[in-house]
């Protein structure tokens, strides 16, 4: 009889534990996610799988060129979060332009006041879209100054640099270290290099009044020159206004973004 009572007691404890675990799991379901919170995007820059160290390490691409990168800056914009049902939350456009700069240690974007939900995709762009640019200098708000401070402008008339990628390189034919500069952007309305794309999240980003997810991007800067379009520095070490190569670089740059992991933290702690 005593043995039966012990077993019944153990079963009761197990049932309580299972119920508690089920309750915790249910609290993460979309039906129970309420309120709003922030989503942090972290951009971890690398070159072909190696950490990007400005001015120090050399990185060799499949073009047979060895690069030492001294500057790696780019613009990201127009964020849209997509939940498991395909519903889109469009982040306020006027607040949706950001500089990522390796040299100035700008590697995070914090999106605030995101409604509760289970988000599985993220859509955004590289650069500044024509609609925003055509609002004129006064329509850019404080972002114009931020871009200028981070070397992401030619001039207002020439426009934004969507990508500022600089350093030195050598190749089989160029054996002495030679400067390269890849400045990609739109040029007025005649050459629009703004690109938008959607990335899938490897796991759900859960947002609620107590959950503030961190989405960690692994950026492969090698894609800029060594993507679907092969851009040879030995042919043109400086690319700025180029009707052929600039659009190719824009397409390459849009493939350098991959989400490595998602961390669903509570109370802003990850």
Protein backbone atom coordinates (compact mmCIF):
# COMPACT_ATOMS: atom_id res chain seq x y z
CA UNK A 1 0.00 0.00 0.00
CA UNK A 2 2.82 2.37 0.88
CA UNK A 3 4.51 1.62 -2.44
CA UNK A 4 1.30 2.45 -4.36
CA UNK A 5 1.00 5.79 -2.52
CA UNK A 6 4.59 6.67 -3.42
CA UNK A 7 3.96 5.87 -7.09
CA UNK A 8 0.76 7.92 -7.10
CA UNK A 9 2.60 10.85 -5.52
CA UNK A 10 5.37 10.63 -8.13
CA UNK A 11 2.76 10.52 -10.89
CA UNK A 12 1.08 13.63 -9.48
CA UNK A 13 4.40 15.51 -9.43
CA UNK A 14 5.08 14.49 -13.03
CA UNK A 15 1.63 15.68 -14.12
CA UNK A 16 2.15 19.03 -12.42
CA UNK A 17 5.56 19.41 -14.08
CA UNK A 18 4.12 18.50 -17.48
CA UNK A 19 1.28 20.98 -17.04
CA UNK A 20 3.73 23.71 -16.07
CA UNK A 21 5.91 23.00 -19.11
CA UNK A 22 2.88 22.96 -21.39
CA UNK A 23 1.77 26.25 -19.95
CA UNK A 24 5.19 27.79 -20.60
CA UNK A 25 5.16 26.53 -24.17
CA UNK A 26 1.64 27.82 -24.74
CA UNK A 27 2.69 31.26 -23.54
CA UNK A 28 4.96 31.47 -26.57
CA UNK A 29 2.15 30.72 -29.02
CA UNK A 30 0.94 33.58 -31.20
CA UNK A 31 -2.50 33.48 -29.51
CA UNK A 32 -0.90 34.47 -26.23
CA UNK A 33 1.63 37.02 -27.49
CA UNK A 34 0.39 40.48 -26.60
CA UNK A 35 1.67 44.02 -26.50
CA UNK A 36 4.66 45.27 -28.46
CA UNK A 37 8.43 45.41 -28.10
CA UNK A 38 11.68 46.00 -29.95
CA UNK A 39 13.53 43.76 -32.41
CA UNK A 40 17.32 44.05 -32.61
CA UNK A 41 19.17 43.23 -35.81
CA UNK A 42 22.88 42.52 -35.43
CA UNK A 43 25.12 42.62 -38.51
CA UNK A 44 28.27 40.52 -38.14
CA UNK A 45 30.56 41.27 -41.09
CA UNK A 46 32.88 38.64 -42.51
CA UNK A 47 34.79 37.79 -45.67
CA UNK A 48 34.27 34.34 -47.12
CA UNK A 49 33.67 32.80 -43.69
CA UNK A 50 36.44 34.67 -41.84
CA UNK A 51 35.84 37.53 -39.42
CA UNK A 52 36.39 40.89 -41.07
CA UNK A 53 39.36 42.69 -39.52
CA UNK A 54 39.89 46.06 -41.14
CA UNK A 55 43.39 46.82 -42.35
CA UNK A 56 44.88 43.63 -40.97
CA UNK A 57 43.94 40.36 -42.62
CA UNK A 58 44.09 39.51 -46.32
CA UNK A 59 41.21 37.63 -47.92
CA UNK A 60 41.56 35.75 -51.20
CA UNK A 61 38.58 35.31 -53.51
CA UNK A 62 37.93 32.93 -56.39
CA UNK A 63 39.04 35.66 -58.80
CA UNK A 64 42.60 35.08 -57.59
CA UNK A 65 42.74 38.49 -55.90
CA UNK A 66 43.92 39.05 -52.33
CA UNK A 67 42.11 41.88 -50.53
CA UNK A 68 42.89 43.88 -47.41
CA UNK A 69 39.70 45.73 -46.49
CA UNK A 70 40.00 49.17 -44.89
CA UNK A 71 36.36 50.26 -45.08
CA UNK A 72 33.09 48.33 -45.21
CA UNK A 73 29.95 50.46 -44.89
CA UNK A 74 26.46 49.97 -46.31
CA UNK A 75 22.91 51.27 -45.98
CA UNK A 76 19.91 49.11 -45.00
CA UNK A 77 16.35 50.36 -45.16
CA UNK A 78 12.59 49.82 -45.47
CA UNK A 79 12.14 46.94 -43.03
CA UNK A 80 9.07 44.72 -43.17
CA UNK A 81 8.45 41.88 -40.69
CA UNK A 82 6.34 38.97 -41.96
CA UNK A 83 4.60 36.61 -39.54
CA UNK A 84 3.72 32.93 -39.85
CA UNK A 85 0.36 33.77 -41.48
CA UNK A 86 1.92 36.01 -44.09
CA UNK A 87 0.82 39.25 -42.43
CA UNK A 88 3.27 42.12 -42.91
CA UNK A 89 4.23 44.82 -40.44
CA UNK A 90 5.78 47.69 -42.34
CA UNK A 91 8.18 49.66 -40.18
CA UNK A 92 7.52 53.45 -40.37
CA UNK A 93 9.28 54.61 -43.53
CA UNK A 94 10.69 57.85 -42.14
CA UNK A 95 12.51 55.87 -39.42
CA UNK A 96 13.62 52.98 -41.61
CA UNK A 97 17.07 54.05 -42.90
CA UNK A 98 20.28 52.95 -41.19
CA UNK A 99 24.06 52.95 -41.69
CA UNK A 100 26.08 49.82 -40.94
CA UNK A 101 29.74 50.76 -40.56
CA UNK A 102 32.50 48.37 -39.57
CA UNK A 103 35.00 51.16 -38.91
CA UNK A 104 32.59 53.18 -36.74
CA UNK A 105 31.23 50.09 -34.97
CA UNK A 106 27.68 50.65 -36.16
CA UNK A 107 26.50 47.08 -36.37
CA UNK A 108 23.05 47.11 -34.77
CA UNK A 109 19.61 48.26 -35.85
CA UNK A 110 16.87 48.46 -33.23
CA UNK A 111 13.32 48.42 -34.56
CA UNK A 112 10.96 49.73 -31.89
CA UNK A 113 7.23 49.32 -31.20
CA UNK A 114 6.89 46.06 -33.11
CA UNK A 115 3.48 44.43 -32.48
CA UNK A 116 3.41 41.01 -30.82
CA UNK A 117 3.66 38.04 -33.14
CA UNK A 118 5.63 35.12 -34.50
CA UNK A 119 7.81 36.48 -37.29
CA UNK A 120 9.39 34.13 -39.83
CA UNK A 121 10.69 36.44 -42.58
CA UNK A 122 12.27 39.86 -42.90
CA UNK A 123 12.15 42.05 -46.00
CA UNK A 124 14.40 45.08 -46.48
CA UNK A 125 16.56 46.93 -48.97
CA UNK A 126 20.17 47.92 -49.53
CA UNK A 127 20.38 51.64 -50.18
CA UNK A 128 17.82 54.43 -50.43
CA UNK A 129 14.79 54.06 -52.68
CA UNK A 130 13.81 56.62 -55.29
CA UNK A 131 10.66 57.64 -53.41
CA UNK A 132 12.73 58.74 -50.42
CA UNK A 133 15.49 60.39 -52.45
CA UNK A 134 13.03 62.42 -54.50
CA UNK A 135 11.69 64.02 -51.32
CA UNK A 136 14.77 66.24 -51.55
CA UNK A 137 17.41 67.03 -48.95
CA UNK A 138 14.84 68.44 -46.52
CA UNK A 139 12.81 65.24 -46.75
CA UNK A 140 15.68 63.05 -45.52
CA UNK A 141 15.44 64.20 -41.90
CA UNK A 142 18.39 63.42 -39.65
CA UNK A 143 19.50 60.48 -41.80
CA UNK A 144 21.24 62.77 -44.28
CA UNK A 145 23.70 63.96 -41.63
CA UNK A 146 24.27 60.41 -40.38
CA UNK A 147 25.09 59.29 -43.92
CA UNK A 148 27.49 62.19 -44.44
CA UNK A 149 29.28 61.51 -41.12
CA UNK A 150 29.85 57.89 -42.17
CA UNK A 151 31.19 58.59 -45.69
CA UNK A 152 27.96 57.45 -47.35
CA UNK A 153 27.31 60.49 -49.56
CA UNK A 154 28.96 61.78 -52.72
CA UNK A 155 26.96 65.02 -52.57
CA UNK A 156 23.27 65.68 -52.42
CA UNK A 157 23.07 66.03 -56.19
CA UNK A 158 25.05 62.83 -56.79
CA UNK A 159 23.23 60.96 -54.04
CA UNK A 160 23.90 58.35 -51.39
CA UNK A 161 26.58 55.70 -51.48
CA UNK A 162 24.67 52.48 -50.76
CA UNK A 163 27.96 50.62 -50.37
CA UNK A 164 31.41 51.97 -49.50
CA UNK A 165 33.93 49.15 -49.83
CA UNK A 166 37.62 50.12 -49.88
CA UNK A 167 41.07 48.69 -49.33
CA UNK A 168 44.06 47.35 -51.23
CA UNK A 169 44.54 44.28 -53.39
CA UNK A 170 47.05 42.20 -55.29
CA UNK A 171 46.53 39.68 -58.07
CA UNK A 172 48.55 37.56 -60.47
CA UNK A 173 49.02 40.57 -62.75
CA UNK A 174 49.17 43.30 -60.07
CA UNK A 175 51.76 42.25 -57.50
CA UNK A 176 52.12 45.54 -55.60
CA UNK A 177 49.35 46.52 -53.19
CA UNK A 178 46.96 48.75 -55.12
CA UNK A 179 44.04 50.79 -53.78
CA UNK A 180 40.50 49.75 -54.68
CA UNK A 181 37.25 51.67 -54.15
CA UNK A 182 33.79 50.26 -54.73
CA UNK A 183 31.20 53.00 -54.23
CA UNK A 184 27.78 51.77 -55.35
CA UNK A 185 24.57 53.79 -55.33
CA UNK A 186 21.85 55.25 -57.47
CA UNK A 187 22.62 58.24 -59.67
CA UNK A 188 19.59 60.47 -59.86
CA UNK A 189 16.68 58.60 -61.39
CA UNK A 190 18.56 57.37 -64.46
CA UNK A 191 20.52 54.59 -62.71
CA UNK A 192 18.54 53.05 -59.83
CA UNK A 193 20.66 50.54 -57.89
CA UNK A 194 18.34 50.18 -54.89
CA UNK A 195 17.52 46.50 -54.25
CA UNK A 196 14.96 44.84 -51.96
CA UNK A 197 14.88 41.18 -50.94
CA UNK A 198 13.40 38.81 -48.35
CA UNK A 199 15.33 36.57 -45.95
CA UNK A 200 13.92 33.57 -44.12
CA UNK A 201 14.55 33.29 -40.39
CA UNK A 202 16.00 29.93 -39.28
CA UNK A 203 13.67 30.02 -36.27
CA UNK A 204 10.71 32.15 -35.26
CA UNK A 205 11.34 35.61 -33.84
CA UNK A 206 8.78 35.98 -31.05
CA UNK A 207 7.71 39.47 -30.04
CA UNK A 208 5.59 40.29 -27.01
CA UNK A 209 5.60 42.71 -24.11
CA UNK A 210 8.24 40.48 -22.47
CA UNK A 211 10.07 39.08 -25.52
CA UNK A 212 12.59 41.16 -27.49
CA UNK A 213 14.21 38.98 -30.16
CA UNK A 214 17.70 39.49 -31.53
CA UNK A 215 18.19 38.53 -35.19
CA UNK A 216 21.86 37.85 -35.91
CA UNK A 217 22.98 38.34 -39.50
CA UNK A 218 26.15 36.78 -40.90
CA UNK A 219 27.29 39.12 -43.69
CA UNK A 220 29.66 37.81 -46.34
CA UNK A 221 31.40 40.80 -47.93
CA UNK A 222 33.12 38.45 -50.36
CA UNK A 223 29.85 38.37 -52.32
CA UNK A 224 30.35 41.98 -53.44
CA UNK A 225 33.01 41.02 -55.98
CA UNK A 226 32.72 37.24 -55.98
CA UNK A 227 28.96 36.68 -56.23
CA UNK A 228 26.95 35.69 -59.30
CA UNK A 229 28.68 38.53 -61.14
CA UNK A 230 32.46 38.36 -61.01
CA UNK A 231 33.94 41.85 -60.59
CA UNK A 232 37.68 41.90 -61.29
CA UNK A 233 39.60 44.63 -59.48
CA UNK A 234 42.52 44.03 -61.82
CA UNK A 235 40.27 45.27 -64.64
CA UNK A 236 38.80 48.25 -62.74
CA UNK A 237 40.04 48.95 -59.18
CA UNK A 238 37.67 51.93 -58.88
CA UNK A 239 33.96 51.51 -59.58
CA UNK A 240 31.58 54.39 -58.89
CA UNK A 241 29.36 55.46 -61.78
CA UNK A 242 29.28 52.45 -64.08
CA UNK A 243 26.15 51.50 -65.99
CA UNK A 244 27.26 47.87 -66.25
CA UNK A 245 29.21 47.05 -63.10
CA UNK A 246 27.25 49.13 -60.56
CA UNK A 247 23.98 47.18 -61.09
CA UNK A 248 25.96 43.93 -60.95
CA UNK A 249 27.53 44.96 -57.64
CA UNK A 250 24.07 45.92 -56.34
CA UNK A 251 22.79 42.45 -57.17
CA UNK A 252 25.84 40.81 -55.60
CA UNK A 253 25.48 42.89 -52.41
CA UNK A 254 21.87 41.80 -51.98
CA UNK A 255 23.06 38.18 -51.60
CA UNK A 256 25.54 38.85 -48.78
CA UNK A 257 22.86 38.78 -46.05
CA UNK A 258 22.07 35.53 -44.21
CA UNK A 259 20.41 35.15 -40.81
CA UNK A 260 22.64 32.94 -38.69
CA UNK A 261 20.33 32.61 -35.69
CA UNK A 262 17.48 34.18 -33.74
CA UNK A 263 17.53 34.63 -30.00
CA UNK A 264 14.25 35.28 -28.21
CA UNK A 265 15.30 37.14 -25.08
CA UNK A 266 13.18 38.43 -22.22
CA UNK A 267 13.33 41.98 -20.91
CA UNK A 268 15.94 43.06 -23.44
CA UNK A 269 18.55 40.52 -22.24
CA UNK A 270 20.06 38.09 -24.76
